[in-house]
Amino acid sequence: MENQDINLIVGQNLQKLRRSRKMTQLELAEKFNYSDKSISKWEKGESLPSIEVLYQLAKFYGVSLDSLTSENEILPETEQKEQHKDRLFPTKLIISLLAVSAVWIAATIWFVSYKLATGGTPYMLFMWSVPISCVLLLIFNSIWGKRQWLFWILSFLLWSLLVCIHIQLIEYHVWIIYFIGIPLQIAVILWGALMRKPKNKQPKEKPVKEKKIKKGKSKPEDEQISQVLESAPAEQTSSNEQKNILHKDL
């Protein structure tokens, strides 16, 4: 592999890692005490940083030094964590569902035992299993779940709990209890909006504009001063020559 190919590979990897951190070239340059032009040359493959700087960059991005010179797709530290979470998601989902199924298994065993012992049918056991399952899902989701699911779990927990209370106390005509759910649901909606992560937009890199001297404008003051100083001795010599000619004529 030629040196030019290594420079391009390292430059592409550095550019991907910098963009994954949502940093501009100027911000990265200030962090490592370099100019943004040096960062631009590294990413374009025009030059290669020293091994010490490469090690510092690899440590900063949370990747290995070998991965910077590899043609394989390099993943930043954040994307590696997300991939790791995605791999564990099926296992976590199965554990959560097993915990919820344990509630329904216990409710079924209790229902059958009560039916055989007394002949009654305690259907409310299955009704109360719904909010209990929501509580378990809320616990597991807060540990390793996603934030957007909390809104739906809390909403389902709220209304299922109100339904259970209403059915349990149906003889007392407590249907008005559903009015309590309206302000609570509004609070859940506002809380969900508050917990929503804002999307971070990657800042655009502003190209460095070179200052151009427009034609037709006056020259800088330094040039004018230098021209005055250059013309001064010439005028003095011309005046001295005129004095010498007058002396000869006399």
Protein backbone atom coordinates (compact mmCIF):
# COMPACT_ATOMS: atom_id res chain seq x y z
CA MET A 1 0.00 0.00 0.00
CA GLU A 2 1.39 3.36 -1.03
CA ASN A 3 1.79 6.30 1.33
CA GLN A 4 -0.83 8.28 -0.59
CA ASP A 5 -3.39 5.51 -0.04
CA ILE A 6 -2.65 5.45 3.71
CA ASN A 7 -3.07 9.22 3.88
CA LEU A 8 -6.47 9.02 2.17
CA ILE A 9 -7.67 6.19 4.44
CA VAL A 10 -6.58 8.00 7.59
CA GLY A 11 -8.11 11.24 6.31
CA GLN A 12 -11.48 9.64 5.58
CA ASN A 13 -11.55 7.95 8.99
CA LEU A 14 -10.66 11.19 10.78
CA GLN A 15 -13.39 13.02 8.90
CA LYS A 16 -16.03 10.40 9.83
CA LEU A 17 -15.03 10.49 13.48
CA ARG A 18 -15.05 14.28 13.64
CA ARG A 19 -18.50 14.47 12.07
CA SER A 20 -19.79 11.83 14.47
CA ARG A 21 -18.82 14.18 17.31
CA LYS A 22 -20.57 17.05 15.47
CA MET A 23 -17.44 19.17 15.57
CA THR A 24 -16.09 21.59 13.00
CA GLN A 25 -12.50 21.57 11.84
CA LEU A 26 -11.87 24.78 13.74
CA GLU A 27 -13.21 23.32 17.02
CA LEU A 28 -11.05 20.22 16.66
CA ALA A 29 -8.03 22.35 15.79
CA GLU A 30 -8.46 24.48 18.90
CA LYS A 31 -8.73 21.36 21.06
CA PHE A 32 -5.42 19.94 19.80
CA ASN A 33 -3.62 23.31 19.36
CA TYR A 34 -3.45 23.06 15.58
CA SER A 35 -4.76 25.24 12.78
CA ASP A 36 -7.92 24.34 10.89
CA LYS A 37 -5.82 24.21 7.72
CA SER A 38 -3.80 21.34 9.22
CA ILE A 39 -7.00 19.46 10.07
CA SER A 40 -8.24 20.04 6.51
CA LYS A 41 -4.99 18.68 5.04
CA TRP A 42 -5.18 15.57 7.24
CA GLU A 43 -8.75 14.83 6.20
CA LYS A 44 -8.02 15.42 2.51
CA GLY A 45 -5.01 13.09 2.66
CA GLU A 46 -2.54 15.81 1.70
CA SER A 47 -0.48 15.19 4.85
CA LEU A 48 -0.39 12.82 7.79
CA PRO A 49 -0.16 13.79 11.49
CA SER A 50 2.60 12.40 13.65
CA ILE A 51 2.16 9.12 15.48
CA GLU A 52 1.73 10.97 18.78
CA VAL A 53 -1.08 13.09 17.37
CA LEU A 54 -2.73 10.02 15.83
CA TYR A 55 -2.63 8.30 19.21
CA GLN A 56 -4.22 11.34 20.88
CA LEU A 57 -6.94 11.46 18.18
CA ALA A 58 -7.66 7.74 18.56
CA LYS A 59 -7.91 8.13 22.33
CA PHE A 60 -10.16 11.17 21.95
CA TYR A 61 -12.57 9.34 19.61
CA GLY A 62 -12.48 6.09 21.60
CA VAL A 63 -11.10 3.91 18.80
CA SER A 64 -7.92 1.90 18.33
CA LEU A 65 -4.89 3.25 16.51
CA ASP A 66 -5.03 0.40 14.00
CA SER A 67 -8.61 1.23 13.05
CA LEU A 68 -7.52 4.68 11.86
CA THR A 69 -5.37 3.07 9.16
CA SER A 70 -7.89 0.37 8.27
CA GLU A 71 -10.12 0.43 5.20
CA ASN A 72 -12.92 -1.29 7.10
CA GLU A 73 -15.83 0.86 8.24
CA ILE A 74 -14.74 2.60 11.40
CA LEU A 75 -17.36 3.12 14.08
CA PRO A 76 -17.20 5.88 16.67
CA GLU A 77 -17.67 5.09 20.32
CA THR A 78 -21.33 6.19 20.34
CA GLU A 79 -22.24 4.01 17.36
CA GLN A 80 -20.45 1.03 18.93
CA LYS A 81 -22.59 1.42 22.05
CA GLU A 82 -25.76 1.66 19.97
CA GLN A 83 -24.87 -1.51 18.07
CA HIS A 84 -24.16 -3.27 21.35
CA LYS A 85 -27.58 -2.20 22.66
CA ASP A 86 -29.27 -3.44 19.49
CA ARG A 87 -27.68 -6.87 19.89
CA LEU A 88 -28.89 -7.16 23.49
CA PHE A 89 -32.40 -5.89 22.71
CA PRO A 90 -33.97 -9.34 21.98
CA THR A 91 -32.60 -10.73 25.26
CA LYS A 92 -33.88 -7.77 27.26
CA LEU A 93 -37.29 -7.99 25.59
CA ILE A 94 -37.57 -11.72 26.40
CA ILE A 95 -36.67 -11.08 30.07
CA SER A 96 -39.31 -8.31 30.30
CA LEU A 97 -41.98 -10.52 28.72
CA LEU A 98 -41.08 -13.39 31.06
CA ALA A 99 -41.60 -11.11 34.06
CA VAL A 100 -44.99 -10.01 32.70
CA SER A 101 -45.99 -13.61 31.92
CA ALA A 102 -45.16 -14.56 35.52
CA VAL A 103 -47.88 -12.15 36.67
CA TRP A 104 -50.46 -13.78 34.42
CA ILE A 105 -49.34 -17.27 35.39
CA ALA A 106 -49.74 -16.37 39.07
CA ALA A 107 -53.18 -14.85 38.37
CA THR A 108 -54.25 -17.99 36.48
CA ILE A 109 -53.08 -20.32 39.26
CA TRP A 110 -54.89 -18.21 41.86
CA PHE A 111 -58.05 -18.16 39.71
CA VAL A 112 -58.07 -21.95 39.27
CA SER A 113 -57.31 -22.58 42.95
CA TYR A 114 -60.08 -20.21 44.08
CA LYS A 115 -62.51 -21.78 41.61
CA LEU A 116 -61.80 -25.29 42.84
CA ALA A 117 -61.90 -24.31 46.52
CA THR A 118 -64.97 -22.08 46.65
CA GLY A 119 -66.61 -22.35 43.25
CA GLY A 120 -66.37 -18.59 42.72
CA THR A 121 -65.00 -16.82 39.66
CA PRO A 122 -62.64 -14.00 40.66
CA TYR A 123 -62.33 -12.40 37.24
CA MET A 124 -60.92 -9.24 38.83
CA LEU A 125 -57.61 -11.07 39.21
CA PHE A 126 -57.09 -10.78 35.46
CA MET A 127 -58.25 -7.18 35.46
CA TRP A 128 -55.71 -6.19 38.10
CA SER A 129 -52.99 -8.12 36.24
CA VAL A 130 -53.06 -5.44 33.52
CA PRO A 131 -51.85 -2.47 35.65
CA ILE A 132 -49.42 -4.78 37.51
CA SER A 133 -47.94 -5.81 34.15
CA CYS A 134 -47.65 -2.14 33.21
CA VAL A 135 -45.72 -1.46 36.41
CA LEU A 136 -43.24 -4.25 35.59
CA LEU A 137 -42.83 -2.98 32.02
CA LEU A 138 -42.26 0.51 33.40
CA ILE A 139 -39.49 -0.77 35.68
CA PHE A 140 -37.71 -2.79 32.98
CA ASN A 141 -38.09 -0.04 30.40
CA SER A 142 -36.57 2.54 32.76
CA ILE A 143 -33.54 0.23 33.17
CA TRP A 144 -32.77 -0.69 29.57
CA GLY A 145 -35.67 0.43 27.40
CA LYS A 146 -36.40 3.45 25.23
CA ARG A 147 -37.74 6.76 26.45
CA GLN A 148 -40.51 7.03 23.88
CA TRP A 149 -42.09 3.84 25.23
CA LEU A 150 -42.50 5.36 28.70
CA PHE A 151 -45.29 7.61 27.44
CA TRP A 152 -47.39 4.69 26.18
CA ILE A 153 -46.72 2.51 29.23
CA LEU A 154 -47.67 5.30 31.64
CA SER A 155 -50.82 6.13 29.67
CA PHE A 156 -51.92 2.49 29.58
CA LEU A 157 -51.13 2.11 33.27
CA LEU A 158 -53.18 5.18 34.16
CA TRP A 159 -56.37 4.20 32.33
CA SER A 160 -56.20 0.50 33.17
CA LEU A 161 -55.87 1.40 36.85
CA LEU A 162 -58.92 3.67 36.66
CA VAL A 163 -60.92 0.95 34.90
CA CYS A 164 -60.00 -1.59 37.58
CA ILE A 165 -61.04 0.78 40.37
CA HIS A 166 -64.31 1.54 38.59
CA ILE A 167 -65.18 -2.14 38.08
CA GLN A 168 -64.11 -3.04 41.60
CA LEU A 169 -66.38 -0.34 43.04
CA ILE A 170 -69.05 -0.42 40.34
CA GLU A 171 -71.87 -0.73 42.86
CA TYR A 172 -70.92 2.68 44.28
CA HIS A 173 -71.26 4.43 40.90
CA VAL A 174 -67.75 5.90 40.91
CA TRP A 175 -67.65 6.47 37.13
CA ILE A 176 -66.72 10.09 37.85
CA ILE A 177 -63.25 8.80 38.72
CA TYR A 178 -62.38 8.97 34.99
CA PHE A 179 -62.24 12.77 35.24
CA ILE A 180 -59.10 12.33 37.34
CA GLY A 181 -57.42 10.71 34.34
CA ILE A 182 -57.77 13.79 32.13
CA PRO A 183 -55.32 16.12 33.98
CA LEU A 184 -53.05 13.14 34.69
CA GLN A 185 -52.94 12.26 30.99
CA ILE A 186 -52.13 15.87 30.13
CA ALA A 187 -49.29 15.75 32.66
CA VAL A 188 -47.97 12.56 31.04
CA ILE A 189 -48.09 14.20 27.59
CA LEU A 190 -46.19 17.26 28.83
CA TRP A 191 -43.65 15.07 30.59
CA GLY A 192 -43.13 13.06 27.40
CA ALA A 193 -42.57 16.25 25.41
CA LEU A 194 -40.07 17.42 28.01
CA MET A 195 -38.12 14.15 27.96
CA ARG A 196 -37.92 14.03 24.20
CA LYS A 197 -34.35 14.51 22.99
CA PRO A 198 -33.81 17.44 20.65
CA LYS A 199 -32.21 16.60 17.34
CA ASN A 200 -28.69 17.92 17.18
CA LYS A 201 -27.97 19.32 13.80
CA GLN A 202 -24.42 19.06 12.59
CA PRO A 203 -22.97 22.55 12.19
CA LYS A 204 -21.94 23.42 8.69
CA GLU A 205 -18.31 24.19 8.09
CA LYS A 206 -17.77 27.69 6.85
CA PRO A 207 -15.07 27.87 4.18
CA VAL A 208 -12.26 30.25 4.90
CA LYS A 209 -12.54 33.20 2.54
CA GLU A 210 -9.32 34.73 1.28
CA LYS A 211 -9.21 38.49 1.40
CA LYS A 212 -8.77 40.01 -2.04
CA ILE A 213 -7.52 43.53 -2.71
CA LYS A 214 -9.96 45.28 -5.00
CA LYS A 215 -8.66 47.26 -7.93
CA GLY A 216 -9.17 50.98 -8.04
CA LYS A 217 -8.64 51.54 -4.33
CA SER A 218 -5.76 53.55 -2.88
CA LYS A 219 -2.61 51.70 -1.87
CA PRO A 220 -1.97 50.92 1.78
CA GLU A 221 -0.42 53.60 3.94
CA ASP A 222 2.85 51.66 4.32
CA GLU A 223 3.42 51.70 0.56
CA GLN A 224 2.67 55.43 0.36
CA ILE A 225 5.12 56.17 3.18
CA SER A 226 7.84 54.09 1.52
CA GLN A 227 7.32 55.94 -1.79
CA VAL A 228 7.66 59.29 0.01
CA LEU A 229 10.89 58.17 1.67
CA GLU A 230 12.31 56.95 -1.65
CA SER A 231 11.47 60.19 -3.44
CA ALA A 232 12.96 62.39 -0.70
CA PRO A 233 16.66 61.64 -1.35
CA ALA A 234 16.11 62.10 -5.08
CA GLU A 235 14.79 65.63 -4.52
CA GLN A 236 17.73 66.46 -2.21
CA THR A 237 20.28 65.36 -4.82
CA SER A 238 18.61 67.46 -7.52
CA SER A 239 18.73 70.57 -5.26
CA ASN A 240 22.46 69.97 -4.49
CA GLU A 241 23.29 69.75 -8.21
CA GLN A 242 21.56 73.10 -8.81
CA LYS A 243 23.68 74.71 -6.03
CA ASN A 244 26.92 73.38 -7.58
CA ILE A 245 26.01 74.80 -10.98
CA LEU A 246 25.40 78.29 -9.46
CA HIS A 247 28.81 78.21 -7.71
CA LYS A 248 30.56 77.40 -11.00
CA ASP A 249 28.82 80.27 -12.77
CA LEU A 250 29.97 82.70 -10.10
